[in-house]
Each structure stands twice: as structure tokens, then as C-alpha cells.
Amino acid sequence: MAIEDLFNHRCSIYHLREETTSPGWGLPGQTEYSYPDTPDLSGVPCHFNVGASTELAQESPFTTYLYTGKLNLPAGTDVRINDKIVNEASGLDFTAQEPQDIRGHHVTVTIQRKGSLNNTAL
């Protein structure tokens, strides 16, 4: 079986943008971070691994959850730390941790999704 057979999902990758704006008059600028409206890469073959961990933390007024999983991508895919990765099938978005090149064979990246659950909905 070839590595390409593993990539049964598709994802979009958005690179984090950094922009420094200054009000002028020699005042220091403020750095803002954002993602573009359109993905830098779309339709990227990938595999979202099933084995993942989740954590729930009871906080007021909401419960916070943290999902941590692994994503496999073809070798040479331009994925960076803090990129937004969107599963094209589900529409769920994740934040990339540091990508690891696995011997030029493929790229593995830990992905996280963090959010809040409304306690009244539980």
C-alpha cells in the first residue's frame, strides 16, 4: 500500500498573517494576526487520525473543551505552526502545532480545537 492511499480526507490550509499598523506621528505600531478569507491551499489530500484526546474543564459560565489529534499530509506540504486547517467534509477548523517531516515520506502535525460548551445545553 502506498502512502497516497492513506490520504482519504481533504483539507484547506490558511497561513497566519501578521500585520503591523501604526497611527502615524512616530508612534509604535500594533501587531495584529489574522487568517485570509480564502485558503492558501485547498483540496489538500490528508488523513485526520481517529485516535485523539479530549479534555473538558468546568469553568464559569461555560465548560471549555480541548480536542487534540494528529493530521497526516503529503511530504512537502506547506503547513506551518499556528496555521488554520479546515476539514473540508465537516467544516471544523483546527490550529496546527509544529509540523514534523517524517523522513521525507509524509508530514505529521498535531492539531487542536478549543471552544466552549454552554452549560445549559449539556
C-alpha atoms as a PDB file:
ATOM      1  CA  MET A   1       0.000   0.000   0.000  1.00  0.00           C
ATOM      2  CA  ALA A   2       1.340   3.429  -0.963  1.00  0.00           C
ATOM      3  CA  ILE A   3       1.237   6.457   1.358  1.00  0.00           C
ATOM      4  CA  GLU A   4      -1.164   8.163  -1.067  1.00  0.00           C
ATOM      5  CA  ASP A   5      -3.777   5.510  -0.176  1.00  0.00           C
ATOM      6  CA  LEU A   6      -3.752   6.797   3.411  1.00  0.00           C
ATOM      7  CA  PHE A   7      -4.923  10.289   2.426  1.00  0.00           C
ATOM      8  CA  ASN A   8      -8.692   9.740   2.374  1.00  0.00           C
ATOM      9  CA  HIS A   9      -9.710  13.245   3.510  1.00  0.00           C
ATOM     10  CA  ARG A  10      -9.312  16.771   2.103  1.00  0.00           C
ATOM     11  CA  CYS A  11      -8.423  19.931   3.988  1.00  0.00           C
ATOM     12  CA  SER A  12      -7.804  23.627   3.416  1.00  0.00           C
ATOM     13  CA  ILE A  13      -4.836  25.411   4.962  1.00  0.00           C
ATOM     14  CA  TYR A  14      -4.814  29.090   5.929  1.00  0.00           C
ATOM     15  CA  HIS A  15      -1.445  30.634   6.834  1.00  0.00           C
ATOM     16  CA  LEU A  16      -1.468  33.054   9.770  1.00  0.00           C
ATOM     17  CA  ARG A  17      -0.848  36.641   8.618  1.00  0.00           C
ATOM     18  CA  GLU A  18       0.938  39.265  10.689  1.00  0.00           C
ATOM     19  CA  GLU A  19       0.318  42.952  10.072  1.00  0.00           C
ATOM     20  CA  THR A  20       1.725  45.902  11.974  1.00  0.00           C
ATOM     21  CA  THR A  21      -0.271  49.108  11.851  1.00  0.00           C
ATOM     22  CA  SER A  22       0.789  52.475  13.201  1.00  0.00           C
ATOM     23  CA  PRO A  23      -1.385  55.521  13.836  1.00  0.00           C
ATOM     24  CA  GLY A  24       1.480  57.628  12.473  1.00  0.00           C
ATOM     25  CA  TRP A  25       3.360  60.542  14.091  1.00  0.00           C
ATOM     26  CA  GLY A  26       6.208  58.219  15.047  1.00  0.00           C
ATOM     27  CA  LEU A  27       4.045  56.182  17.411  1.00  0.00           C
ATOM     28  CA  PRO A  28       4.803  52.465  17.695  1.00  0.00           C
ATOM     29  CA  GLY A  29       2.651  50.128  15.709  1.00  0.00           C
ATOM     30  CA  GLN A  30       0.329  47.434  16.930  1.00  0.00           C
ATOM     31  CA  THR A  31       0.712  43.913  15.576  1.00  0.00           C
ATOM     32  CA  GLU A  32      -2.453  42.120  14.522  1.00  0.00           C
ATOM     33  CA  TYR A  33      -2.799  38.496  13.489  1.00  0.00           C
ATOM     34  CA  SER A  34      -5.486  37.101  11.186  1.00  0.00           C
ATOM     35  CA  TYR A  35      -6.255  34.447   8.614  1.00  0.00           C
ATOM     36  CA  PRO A  36      -7.139  35.276   4.998  1.00  0.00           C
ATOM     37  CA  ASP A  37     -10.705  34.834   3.756  1.00  0.00           C
ATOM     38  CA  THR A  38      -9.625  32.322   1.128  1.00  0.00           C
ATOM     39  CA  PRO A  39      -7.330  29.373   1.874  1.00  0.00           C
ATOM     40  CA  ASP A  40      -3.698  29.430   0.841  1.00  0.00           C
ATOM     41  CA  LEU A  41      -4.047  25.733  -0.046  1.00  0.00           C
ATOM     42  CA  SER A  42      -7.315  23.928  -0.712  1.00  0.00           C
ATOM     43  CA  GLY A  43      -8.234  20.346  -1.541  1.00  0.00           C
ATOM     44  CA  VAL A  44      -5.054  19.102   0.130  1.00  0.00           C
ATOM     45  CA  PRO A  45      -5.061  15.296   0.486  1.00  0.00           C
ATOM     46  CA  CYS A  46      -4.760  14.388   4.173  1.00  0.00           C
ATOM     47  CA  HIS A  47      -5.811  11.972   6.884  1.00  0.00           C
ATOM     48  CA  PHE A  48      -7.373  13.044  10.192  1.00  0.00           C
ATOM     49  CA  ASN A  49      -6.388  10.268  12.638  1.00  0.00           C
ATOM     50  CA  VAL A  50      -9.133   8.688  14.706  1.00  0.00           C
ATOM     51  CA  GLY A  51      -7.099   8.385  17.929  1.00  0.00           C
ATOM     52  CA  ALA A  52      -7.475  11.764  19.613  1.00  0.00           C
ATOM     53  CA  SER A  53      -7.738  13.127  23.120  1.00  0.00           C
ATOM     54  CA  THR A  54     -10.289  15.493  24.547  1.00  0.00           C
ATOM     55  CA  GLU A  55     -10.344  17.436  27.773  1.00  0.00           C
ATOM     56  CA  LEU A  56     -13.246  19.166  29.470  1.00  0.00           C
ATOM     57  CA  ALA A  57     -12.720  21.836  32.113  1.00  0.00           C
ATOM     58  CA  GLN A  58     -15.615  23.122  34.198  1.00  0.00           C
ATOM     59  CA  GLU A  59     -15.430  26.907  34.127  1.00  0.00           C
ATOM     60  CA  SER A  60     -17.995  29.587  34.723  1.00  0.00           C
ATOM     61  CA  PRO A  61     -20.233  30.233  32.834  1.00  0.00           C
ATOM     62  CA  PHE A  62     -19.195  27.633  30.210  1.00  0.00           C
ATOM     63  CA  THR A  63     -17.419  24.311  30.035  1.00  0.00           C
ATOM     64  CA  THR A  64     -14.225  24.556  27.967  1.00  0.00           C
ATOM     65  CA  TYR A  65     -13.089  21.676  25.787  1.00  0.00           C
ATOM     66  CA  LEU A  66      -9.769  20.974  24.095  1.00  0.00           C
ATOM     67  CA  TYR A  67      -9.507  18.436  21.272  1.00  0.00           C
ATOM     68  CA  THR A  68      -6.019  17.265  20.300  1.00  0.00           C
ATOM     69  CA  GLY A  69      -5.437  14.988  17.320  1.00  0.00           C
ATOM     70  CA  LYS A  70      -2.988  14.178  14.549  1.00  0.00           C
ATOM     71  CA  LEU A  71      -3.112  15.040  10.874  1.00  0.00           C
ATOM     72  CA  ASN A  72      -1.051  13.371   8.142  1.00  0.00           C
ATOM     73  CA  LEU A  73      -0.202  15.272   4.959  1.00  0.00           C
ATOM     74  CA  PRO A  74       1.876  14.507   1.848  1.00  0.00           C
ATOM     75  CA  ALA A  75       5.597  15.261   2.043  1.00  0.00           C
ATOM     76  CA  GLY A  76       6.407  18.848   1.118  1.00  0.00           C
ATOM     77  CA  THR A  77       3.004  20.287   2.108  1.00  0.00           C
ATOM     78  CA  ASP A  78       3.411  23.934   3.155  1.00  0.00           C
ATOM     79  CA  VAL A  79       1.950  23.746   6.658  1.00  0.00           C
ATOM     80  CA  ARG A  80       3.245  25.985   9.459  1.00  0.00           C
ATOM     81  CA  ILE A  81       2.800  26.376  13.168  1.00  0.00           C
ATOM     82  CA  ASN A  82      -0.469  28.230  14.019  1.00  0.00           C
ATOM     83  CA  ASP A  83      -1.968  27.629  10.566  1.00  0.00           C
ATOM     84  CA  LYS A  84      -5.724  27.148  10.486  1.00  0.00           C
ATOM     85  CA  ILE A  85      -6.635  23.768   8.999  1.00  0.00           C
ATOM     86  CA  VAL A  86     -10.227  23.140   7.925  1.00  0.00           C
ATOM     87  CA  ASN A  87     -11.626  19.657   7.366  1.00  0.00           C
ATOM     88  CA  GLU A  88     -13.471  20.167   4.058  1.00  0.00           C
ATOM     89  CA  ALA A  89     -16.002  17.404   4.802  1.00  0.00           C
ATOM     90  CA  SER A  90     -17.088  18.611   8.250  1.00  0.00           C
ATOM     91  CA  GLY A  91     -16.149  22.299   8.123  1.00  0.00           C
ATOM     92  CA  LEU A  92     -14.422  22.023  11.512  1.00  0.00           C
ATOM     93  CA  ASP A  93     -11.305  24.120  11.908  1.00  0.00           C
ATOM     94  CA  PHE A  94      -8.162  23.290  13.866  1.00  0.00           C
ATOM     95  CA  THR A  95      -4.929  25.059  14.782  1.00  0.00           C
ATOM     96  CA  ALA A  96      -1.654  23.429  13.719  1.00  0.00           C
ATOM     97  CA  GLN A  97       1.165  22.822  16.150  1.00  0.00           C
ATOM     98  CA  GLU A  98       4.745  22.271  14.938  1.00  0.00           C
ATOM     99  CA  PRO A  99       4.778  20.104  11.772  1.00  0.00           C
ATOM    100  CA  GLN A 100       7.115  17.099  11.707  1.00  0.00           C
ATOM    101  CA  ASP A 101       8.667  15.846   8.461  1.00  0.00           C
ATOM    102  CA  ILE A 102       8.749  12.059   8.755  1.00  0.00           C
ATOM    103  CA  ARG A 103      11.896  11.119   6.791  1.00  0.00           C
ATOM    104  CA  GLY A 104      10.682  12.887   3.649  1.00  0.00           C
ATOM    105  CA  HIS A 105       7.840  10.348   3.477  1.00  0.00           C
ATOM    106  CA  HIS A 106       4.965  12.454   4.875  1.00  0.00           C
ATOM    107  CA  VAL A 107       4.244  15.307   7.293  1.00  0.00           C
ATOM    108  CA  THR A 108       2.566  14.777  10.653  1.00  0.00           C
ATOM    109  CA  VAL A 109       1.146  17.702  12.597  1.00  0.00           C
ATOM    110  CA  THR A 110      -0.641  17.827  15.929  1.00  0.00           C
ATOM    111  CA  ILE A 111      -3.866  19.789  15.595  1.00  0.00           C
ATOM    112  CA  GLN A 112      -6.014  21.351  18.305  1.00  0.00           C
ATOM    113  CA  ARG A 113      -9.532  22.693  18.541  1.00  0.00           C
ATOM    114  CA  LYS A 114     -10.620  24.680  21.581  1.00  0.00           C
ATOM    115  CA  GLY A 115     -14.043  26.015  22.390  1.00  0.00           C
ATOM    116  CA  SER A 116     -16.777  26.442  24.941  1.00  0.00           C
ATOM    117  CA  LEU A 117     -19.905  24.452  25.633  1.00  0.00           C
ATOM    118  CA  ASN A 118     -22.923  26.271  27.000  1.00  0.00           C
ATOM    119  CA  ASN A 119     -23.732  24.520  30.291  1.00  0.00           C
ATOM    120  CA  THR A 120     -27.467  24.846  29.683  1.00  0.00           C
ATOM    121  CA  ALA A 121     -27.089  22.694  26.543  1.00  0.00           C
ATOM    122  CA  LEU A 122     -25.431  19.807  28.394  1.00  0.00           C
END
